[in-house]
Amino acid sequence: MKHYYQLKVGLNDLYPNIWRQIIVPASISLDRLSDVIQIVIGWENIASHYWATASGEFFAEYIPPRKNTGVSLENQMPLFDILNKKGQEMEYMCVIESDDLSRSDRWRHIILLEDDHYKLSLYEKEDDRLPFVRCVAGFGKCPPENVGGIGGFYAYRQIMTERKQPQFGNMFREHGGINCPNCHIYDPNYFDIDTVNRELKKYCRWSRNRHYLWLEEEDLDSSW
């Protein structure tokens, strides 16, 4: 029997919070969990990112070319080695630098372990060939990644919601435009869980072999 976690991923610095509730294998590695978070929140995966634990550990996509940075590779760390008790948290930070490096947008996610022994229901069937990953709840529309951080997002949300402001046309073209047919109907509370789960299913099917296979904890020396 596989071991699953129920996590709540939240952009807790925003009000109201944008959040997702997801089910993942406890053995998922941090690089894979990053991919899942990018999908469920709605990011475009253009930001760099790192993880910070309550004990002061840091994990990233790569280790900076300096000694003694205290940063470890995320693809070698399974989630259950960091979060293993209900109520534990860690941070997932996405950072987007401007072209001239004069500004960086930071999006802090809090990862909360809500259930450390999640049991799949009769409707949540396992597939021996694929890991079970599912979004079960959520709230709020994902901000545009390059909107200017939290302050920029609040301004964007107000302009897009009210529509009558003179900046609406520029906002519409820059963050959606003709590639987003429904952008002119902006609902900050909108979340399409069905689309998210379809994308998760495709991700699990087509990206299994990027670093490690999804393995059971008893089969792991380091991570999946």
C-alpha atoms as a PDB file:
ATOM      1  CA  MET A   1       0.000   0.000   0.000  1.00  0.00           C
ATOM      2  CA  LYS A   2       1.439   3.341  -1.039  1.00  0.00           C
ATOM      3  CA  HIS A   3       1.804   6.132   1.480  1.00  0.00           C
ATOM      4  CA  TYR A   4       0.120   9.451   0.615  1.00  0.00           C
ATOM      5  CA  TYR A   5       0.089  12.956   2.030  1.00  0.00           C
ATOM      6  CA  GLN A   6      -2.598  15.609   1.905  1.00  0.00           C
ATOM      7  CA  LEU A   7      -0.953  19.017   1.535  1.00  0.00           C
ATOM      8  CA  LYS A   8      -2.281  22.545   1.495  1.00  0.00           C
ATOM      9  CA  VAL A   9      -0.266  24.892  -0.712  1.00  0.00           C
ATOM     10  CA  GLY A  10      -1.041  28.547  -0.081  1.00  0.00           C
ATOM     11  CA  LEU A  11       0.113  31.975  -1.206  1.00  0.00           C
ATOM     12  CA  ASN A  12      -0.453  33.143   2.332  1.00  0.00           C
ATOM     13  CA  ASP A  13       0.958  36.628   1.819  1.00  0.00           C
ATOM     14  CA  LEU A  14      -2.015  37.458  -0.426  1.00  0.00           C
ATOM     15  CA  TYR A  15      -5.461  38.451   0.777  1.00  0.00           C
ATOM     16  CA  PRO A  16      -7.624  36.607   0.225  1.00  0.00           C
ATOM     17  CA  ASN A  17      -5.290  33.628   0.157  1.00  0.00           C
ATOM     18  CA  ILE A  18      -4.882  31.673  -3.059  1.00  0.00           C
ATOM     19  CA  TRP A  19      -4.565  28.009  -2.101  1.00  0.00           C
ATOM     20  CA  ARG A  20      -4.760  24.424  -3.350  1.00  0.00           C
ATOM     21  CA  GLN A  21      -5.256  21.145  -1.516  1.00  0.00           C
ATOM     22  CA  ILE A  22      -3.399  18.247  -3.111  1.00  0.00           C
ATOM     23  CA  ILE A  23      -2.725  14.541  -2.623  1.00  0.00           C
ATOM     24  CA  VAL A  24       0.803  13.329  -3.411  1.00  0.00           C
ATOM     25  CA  PRO A  25       2.964  10.287  -2.586  1.00  0.00           C
ATOM     26  CA  ALA A  26       4.948  10.825   0.598  1.00  0.00           C
ATOM     27  CA  SER A  27       8.006   9.711  -1.380  1.00  0.00           C
ATOM     28  CA  ILE A  28       7.745  12.472  -3.977  1.00  0.00           C
ATOM     29  CA  SER A  29      11.024  14.356  -4.414  1.00  0.00           C
ATOM     30  CA  LEU A  30      11.097  18.122  -4.090  1.00  0.00           C
ATOM     31  CA  ASP A  31      11.806  18.710  -7.774  1.00  0.00           C
ATOM     32  CA  ARG A  32       8.676  16.734  -8.658  1.00  0.00           C
ATOM     33  CA  LEU A  33       6.643  18.511  -5.992  1.00  0.00           C
ATOM     34  CA  SER A  34       7.754  21.812  -7.528  1.00  0.00           C
ATOM     35  CA  ASP A  35       6.335  20.679 -10.877  1.00  0.00           C
ATOM     36  CA  VAL A  36       3.053  19.725  -9.221  1.00  0.00           C
ATOM     37  CA  ILE A  37       2.782  23.080  -7.434  1.00  0.00           C
ATOM     38  CA  GLN A  38       3.451  24.953 -10.674  1.00  0.00           C
ATOM     39  CA  ILE A  39       0.546  23.083 -12.286  1.00  0.00           C
ATOM     40  CA  VAL A  40      -2.002  23.337  -9.483  1.00  0.00           C
ATOM     41  CA  ILE A  41      -1.414  27.013  -8.706  1.00  0.00           C
ATOM     42  CA  GLY A  42      -1.381  27.924 -12.402  1.00  0.00           C
ATOM     43  CA  TRP A  43       2.160  29.251 -12.780  1.00  0.00           C
ATOM     44  CA  GLU A  44       3.966  29.176 -16.133  1.00  0.00           C
ATOM     45  CA  ASN A  45       7.156  27.704 -14.625  1.00  0.00           C
ATOM     46  CA  ILE A  46       9.346  30.646 -15.640  1.00  0.00           C
ATOM     47  CA  ALA A  47      10.607  31.489 -12.136  1.00  0.00           C
ATOM     48  CA  SER A  48      13.583  30.069 -10.306  1.00  0.00           C
ATOM     49  CA  HIS A  49      12.731  28.555  -6.961  1.00  0.00           C
ATOM     50  CA  TYR A  50      14.088  27.191  -3.695  1.00  0.00           C
ATOM     51  CA  TRP A  51      12.775  25.465  -0.570  1.00  0.00           C
ATOM     52  CA  ALA A  52      13.285  26.423   3.074  1.00  0.00           C
ATOM     53  CA  THR A  53      12.493  24.089   5.963  1.00  0.00           C
ATOM     54  CA  ALA A  54      11.663  24.892   9.569  1.00  0.00           C
ATOM     55  CA  SER A  55      15.060  23.527  10.615  1.00  0.00           C
ATOM     56  CA  GLY A  56      16.894  25.984   8.360  1.00  0.00           C
ATOM     57  CA  GLU A  57      17.722  23.656   5.470  1.00  0.00           C
ATOM     58  CA  PHE A  58      17.640  24.948   1.890  1.00  0.00           C
ATOM     59  CA  PHE A  59      17.064  23.001  -1.315  1.00  0.00           C
ATOM     60  CA  ALA A  60      17.247  24.263  -4.890  1.00  0.00           C
ATOM     61  CA  GLU A  61      17.331  23.218  -8.546  1.00  0.00           C
ATOM     62  CA  TYR A  62      21.106  23.587  -8.609  1.00  0.00           C
ATOM     63  CA  ILE A  63      23.866  24.382  -6.160  1.00  0.00           C
ATOM     64  CA  PRO A  64      25.479  27.822  -6.635  1.00  0.00           C
ATOM     65  CA  PRO A  65      29.150  27.662  -7.694  1.00  0.00           C
ATOM     66  CA  ARG A  66      30.397  28.573  -4.229  1.00  0.00           C
ATOM     67  CA  LYS A  67      31.465  26.305  -1.414  1.00  0.00           C
ATOM     68  CA  ASN A  68      29.615  26.037   1.890  1.00  0.00           C
ATOM     69  CA  THR A  69      26.374  27.552   0.597  1.00  0.00           C
ATOM     70  CA  GLY A  70      24.276  25.234   2.761  1.00  0.00           C
ATOM     71  CA  VAL A  71      22.081  24.433  -0.240  1.00  0.00           C
ATOM     72  CA  SER A  72      21.280  20.856  -1.279  1.00  0.00           C
ATOM     73  CA  LEU A  73      19.830  19.549  -4.523  1.00  0.00           C
ATOM     74  CA  GLU A  74      16.054  19.223  -4.480  1.00  0.00           C
ATOM     75  CA  ASN A  75      15.942  16.128  -6.704  1.00  0.00           C
ATOM     76  CA  GLN A  76      17.754  14.112  -4.030  1.00  0.00           C
ATOM     77  CA  MET A  77      15.323  14.874  -1.218  1.00  0.00           C
ATOM     78  CA  PRO A  78      12.023  12.976  -0.703  1.00  0.00           C
ATOM     79  CA  LEU A  79       9.217  14.897   0.948  1.00  0.00           C
ATOM     80  CA  PHE A  80       8.829  12.431   3.842  1.00  0.00           C
ATOM     81  CA  ASP A  81      12.363  13.262   5.031  1.00  0.00           C
ATOM     82  CA  ILE A  82      11.233  16.857   5.649  1.00  0.00           C
ATOM     83  CA  LEU A  83       7.527  16.676   6.479  1.00  0.00           C
ATOM     84  CA  ASN A  84       6.423  13.602   8.410  1.00  0.00           C
ATOM     85  CA  LYS A  85       3.989  14.834  11.061  1.00  0.00           C
ATOM     86  CA  LYS A  86       0.625  16.503  10.634  1.00  0.00           C
ATOM     87  CA  GLY A  87       0.896  20.279  11.022  1.00  0.00           C
ATOM     88  CA  GLN A  88       4.503  20.630   9.830  1.00  0.00           C
ATOM     89  CA  GLU A  89       5.270  23.330   7.241  1.00  0.00           C
ATOM     90  CA  MET A  90       7.921  24.378   4.776  1.00  0.00           C
ATOM     91  CA  GLU A  91       8.327  27.262   2.319  1.00  0.00           C
ATOM     92  CA  TYR A  92       8.531  27.171  -1.457  1.00  0.00           C
ATOM     93  CA  MET A  93       9.763  30.458  -2.893  1.00  0.00           C
ATOM     94  CA  CYS A  94       9.540  31.437  -6.556  1.00  0.00           C
ATOM     95  CA  VAL A  95      11.678  34.354  -7.719  1.00  0.00           C
ATOM     96  CA  ILE A  96      11.529  36.218 -11.033  1.00  0.00           C
ATOM     97  CA  GLU A  97      14.313  38.712 -11.747  1.00  0.00           C
ATOM     98  CA  SER A  98      13.735  41.612 -14.132  1.00  0.00           C
ATOM     99  CA  ASP A  99      15.910  41.710 -17.265  1.00  0.00           C
ATOM    100  CA  ASP A 100      18.129  44.404 -15.805  1.00  0.00           C
ATOM    101  CA  LEU A 101      18.156  42.723 -12.366  1.00  0.00           C
ATOM    102  CA  SER A 102      16.749  45.900 -10.809  1.00  0.00           C
ATOM    103  CA  ARG A 103      13.617  44.169  -9.513  1.00  0.00           C
ATOM    104  CA  SER A 104      12.610  40.705  -8.365  1.00  0.00           C
ATOM    105  CA  ASP A 105       9.107  39.362  -7.886  1.00  0.00           C
ATOM    106  CA  ARG A 106       8.842  36.894  -5.021  1.00  0.00           C
ATOM    107  CA  TRP A 107       5.973  34.483  -4.470  1.00  0.00           C
ATOM    108  CA  ARG A 108       6.119  32.661  -1.136  1.00  0.00           C
ATOM    109  CA  HIS A 109       4.139  29.454  -0.807  1.00  0.00           C
ATOM    110  CA  ILE A 110       3.494  27.753   2.518  1.00  0.00           C
ATOM    111  CA  ILE A 111       3.329  23.943   2.255  1.00  0.00           C
ATOM    112  CA  LEU A 112       1.290  22.519   5.150  1.00  0.00           C
ATOM    113  CA  LEU A 113       1.057  18.787   5.847  1.00  0.00           C
ATOM    114  CA  GLU A 114      -2.642  18.378   6.678  1.00  0.00           C
ATOM    115  CA  ASP A 115      -2.776  14.564   6.720  1.00  0.00           C
ATOM    116  CA  ASP A 116       0.294  12.331   6.970  1.00  0.00           C
ATOM    117  CA  HIS A 117      -1.640   9.098   6.286  1.00  0.00           C
ATOM    118  CA  TYR A 118      -4.166  10.022   3.640  1.00  0.00           C
ATOM    119  CA  LYS A 119      -6.336   7.072   2.584  1.00  0.00           C
ATOM    120  CA  LEU A 120      -7.574   6.951  -0.975  1.00  0.00           C
ATOM    121  CA  SER A 121     -11.338   6.643  -1.365  1.00  0.00           C
ATOM    122  CA  LEU A 122     -13.053   4.050  -3.544  1.00  0.00           C
ATOM    123  CA  TYR A 123     -13.185   6.664  -6.294  1.00  0.00           C
ATOM    124  CA  GLU A 124      -9.467   7.411  -6.116  1.00  0.00           C
ATOM    125  CA  LYS A 125      -8.037   4.380  -7.873  1.00  0.00           C
ATOM    126  CA  GLU A 126      -4.313   3.710  -7.923  1.00  0.00           C
ATOM    127  CA  ASP A 127      -2.501   2.863 -11.123  1.00  0.00           C
ATOM    128  CA  ASP A 128       0.560   0.642 -10.645  1.00  0.00           C
ATOM    129  CA  ARG A 129       2.226   2.350 -13.611  1.00  0.00           C
ATOM    130  CA  LEU A 130       1.631   5.945 -12.482  1.00  0.00           C
ATOM    131  CA  PRO A 131       1.784   7.825  -9.178  1.00  0.00           C
ATOM    132  CA  PHE A 132      -1.506   9.114  -7.802  1.00  0.00           C
ATOM    133  CA  VAL A 133      -1.434  12.904  -7.713  1.00  0.00           C
ATOM    134  CA  ARG A 134      -4.654  14.850  -7.397  1.00  0.00           C
ATOM    135  CA  CYS A 135      -5.924  18.322  -6.562  1.00  0.00           C
ATOM    136  CA  VAL A 136      -9.005  18.011  -4.357  1.00  0.00           C
ATOM    137  CA  ALA A 137      -9.838  21.645  -3.590  1.00  0.00           C
ATOM    138  CA  GLY A 138      -8.697  25.185  -4.238  1.00  0.00           C
ATOM    139  CA  PHE A 139      -9.552  28.869  -4.308  1.00  0.00           C
ATOM    140  CA  GLY A 140      -8.410  31.868  -6.292  1.00  0.00           C
ATOM    141  CA  LYS A 141      -7.038  32.692  -9.716  1.00  0.00           C
ATOM    142  CA  CYS A 142      -3.279  32.516 -10.146  1.00  0.00           C
ATOM    143  CA  PRO A 143      -1.531  35.907 -10.478  1.00  0.00           C
ATOM    144  CA  PRO A 144       0.451  36.637 -13.647  1.00  0.00           C
ATOM    145  CA  GLU A 145       4.041  35.738 -12.792  1.00  0.00           C
ATOM    146  CA  ASN A 146       5.616  38.958 -14.072  1.00  0.00           C
ATOM    147  CA  VAL A 147       2.977  41.344 -12.729  1.00  0.00           C
ATOM    148  CA  GLY A 148       5.283  42.973 -10.194  1.00  0.00           C
ATOM    149  CA  GLY A 149       4.958  40.836  -7.087  1.00  0.00           C
ATOM    150  CA  ILE A 150       2.265  41.222  -4.462  1.00  0.00           C
ATOM    151  CA  GLY A 151       1.825  44.993  -4.866  1.00  0.00           C
ATOM    152  CA  GLY A 152       1.643  44.676  -8.627  1.00  0.00           C
ATOM    153  CA  PHE A 153      -0.901  41.891  -8.336  1.00  0.00           C
ATOM    154  CA  TYR A 154      -3.208  43.943  -6.101  1.00  0.00           C
ATOM    155  CA  ALA A 155      -3.120  46.761  -8.660  1.00  0.00           C
ATOM    156  CA  TYR A 156      -3.672  44.300 -11.514  1.00  0.00           C
ATOM    157  CA  ARG A 157      -6.610  42.680  -9.733  1.00  0.00           C
ATOM    158  CA  GLN A 158      -8.292  46.021  -9.102  1.00  0.00           C
ATOM    159  CA  ILE A 159      -7.828  47.186 -12.699  1.00  0.00           C
ATOM    160  CA  MET A 160      -9.000  43.893 -14.203  1.00  0.00           C
ATOM    161  CA  THR A 161     -12.011  43.700 -11.897  1.00  0.00           C
ATOM    162  CA  GLU A 162     -13.212  47.276 -12.380  1.00  0.00           C
ATOM    163  CA  ARG A 163     -12.343  47.361 -16.126  1.00  0.00           C
ATOM    164  CA  LYS A 164     -13.221  51.046 -16.506  1.00  0.00           C
ATOM    165  CA  GLN A 165      -9.786  52.230 -15.454  1.00  0.00           C
ATOM    166  CA  PRO A 166      -7.591  53.546 -18.317  1.00  0.00           C
ATOM    167  CA  GLN A 167      -4.912  50.917 -17.651  1.00  0.00           C
ATOM    168  CA  PHE A 168      -7.317  48.041 -18.396  1.00  0.00           C
ATOM    169  CA  GLY A 169      -6.444  47.818 -22.103  1.00  0.00           C
ATOM    170  CA  ASN A 170      -2.706  47.592 -21.451  1.00  0.00           C
ATOM    171  CA  MET A 171      -3.204  45.048 -18.659  1.00  0.00           C
ATOM    172  CA  PHE A 172      -5.445  42.960 -20.888  1.00  0.00           C
ATOM    173  CA  ARG A 173      -2.901  42.866 -23.701  1.00  0.00           C
ATOM    174  CA  GLU A 174       0.115  42.278 -21.466  1.00  0.00           C
ATOM    175  CA  HIS A 175      -1.364  39.534 -19.283  1.00  0.00           C
ATOM    176  CA  GLY A 176      -3.652  37.532 -21.536  1.00  0.00           C
ATOM    177  CA  GLY A 177      -5.018  39.383 -24.514  1.00  0.00           C
ATOM    178  CA  ILE A 178      -6.052  37.383 -27.564  1.00  0.00           C
ATOM    179  CA  ASN A 179      -4.517  34.229 -26.126  1.00  0.00           C
ATOM    180  CA  CYS A 180      -6.927  34.324 -23.210  1.00  0.00           C
ATOM    181  CA  PRO A 181     -10.526  34.553 -24.518  1.00  0.00           C
ATOM    182  CA  ASN A 182     -12.057  34.935 -21.068  1.00  0.00           C
ATOM    183  CA  CYS A 183      -9.579  37.458 -19.648  1.00  0.00           C
ATOM    184  CA  HIS A 184     -12.085  40.253 -20.168  1.00  0.00           C
ATOM    185  CA  ILE A 185     -14.260  38.465 -17.598  1.00  0.00           C
ATOM    186  CA  TYR A 186     -11.903  38.545 -14.652  1.00  0.00           C
ATOM    187  CA  ASP A 187     -12.935  36.618 -11.546  1.00  0.00           C
ATOM    188  CA  PRO A 188     -10.193  36.652  -8.868  1.00  0.00           C
ATOM    189  CA  ASN A 189     -11.888  33.747  -7.075  1.00  0.00           C
ATOM    190  CA  TYR A 190     -11.993  31.476 -10.139  1.00  0.00           C
ATOM    191  CA  PHE A 191     -10.375  28.032 -10.002  1.00  0.00           C
ATOM    192  CA  ASP A 192     -10.906  25.224 -12.536  1.00  0.00           C
ATOM    193  CA  ILE A 193     -10.091  22.005 -10.673  1.00  0.00           C
ATOM    194  CA  ASP A 194     -10.997  19.735 -13.601  1.00  0.00           C
ATOM    195  CA  THR A 195      -8.464  21.379 -15.906  1.00  0.00           C
ATOM    196  CA  VAL A 196      -5.804  21.194 -13.204  1.00  0.00           C
ATOM    197  CA  ASN A 197      -6.341  17.464 -12.690  1.00  0.00           C
ATOM    198  CA  ARG A 198      -6.174  16.799 -16.417  1.00  0.00           C
ATOM    199  CA  GLU A 199      -2.811  18.585 -16.516  1.00  0.00           C
ATOM    200  CA  LEU A 200      -1.589  16.603 -13.502  1.00  0.00           C
ATOM    201  CA  LYS A 201      -2.541  13.350 -15.184  1.00  0.00           C
ATOM    202  CA  LYS A 202      -0.622  14.318 -18.308  1.00  0.00           C
ATOM    203  CA  TYR A 203       2.371  15.333 -16.222  1.00  0.00           C
ATOM    204  CA  CYS A 204       2.476  12.004 -14.378  1.00  0.00           C
ATOM    205  CA  ARG A 205       2.165  10.085 -17.620  1.00  0.00           C
ATOM    206  CA  TRP A 206       4.821  11.876 -19.679  1.00  0.00           C
ATOM    207  CA  SER A 207       7.519  12.933 -17.214  1.00  0.00           C
ATOM    208  CA  ARG A 208       8.158   9.923 -15.023  1.00  0.00           C
ATOM    209  CA  ASN A 209      11.766   9.314 -16.015  1.00  0.00           C
ATOM    210  CA  ARG A 210      13.250  12.790 -15.750  1.00  0.00           C
ATOM    211  CA  HIS A 211      15.283  12.092 -12.603  1.00  0.00           C
ATOM    212  CA  TYR A 212      14.017   9.168 -10.574  1.00  0.00           C
ATOM    213  CA  LEU A 213      11.129   6.757 -10.694  1.00  0.00           C
ATOM    214  CA  TRP A 214       8.308   7.125  -8.216  1.00  0.00           C
ATOM    215  CA  LEU A 215       9.405   4.554  -5.638  1.00  0.00           C
ATOM    216  CA  GLU A 216       8.064   3.321  -2.349  1.00  0.00           C
ATOM    217  CA  GLU A 217       9.778   4.431   0.844  1.00  0.00           C
ATOM    218  CA  GLU A 218      11.137   0.947   1.515  1.00  0.00           C
ATOM    219  CA  ASP A 219      12.808   1.024  -1.925  1.00  0.00           C
ATOM    220  CA  LEU A 220      14.431   4.413  -1.465  1.00  0.00           C
ATOM    221  CA  ASP A 221      18.047   5.059  -0.561  1.00  0.00           C
ATOM    222  CA  SER A 222      17.669   8.805  -1.048  1.00  0.00           C
ATOM    223  CA  SER A 223      14.669   9.868  -3.081  1.00  0.00           C
ATOM    224  CA  TRP A 224      12.332   9.103  -5.954  1.00  0.00           C
END
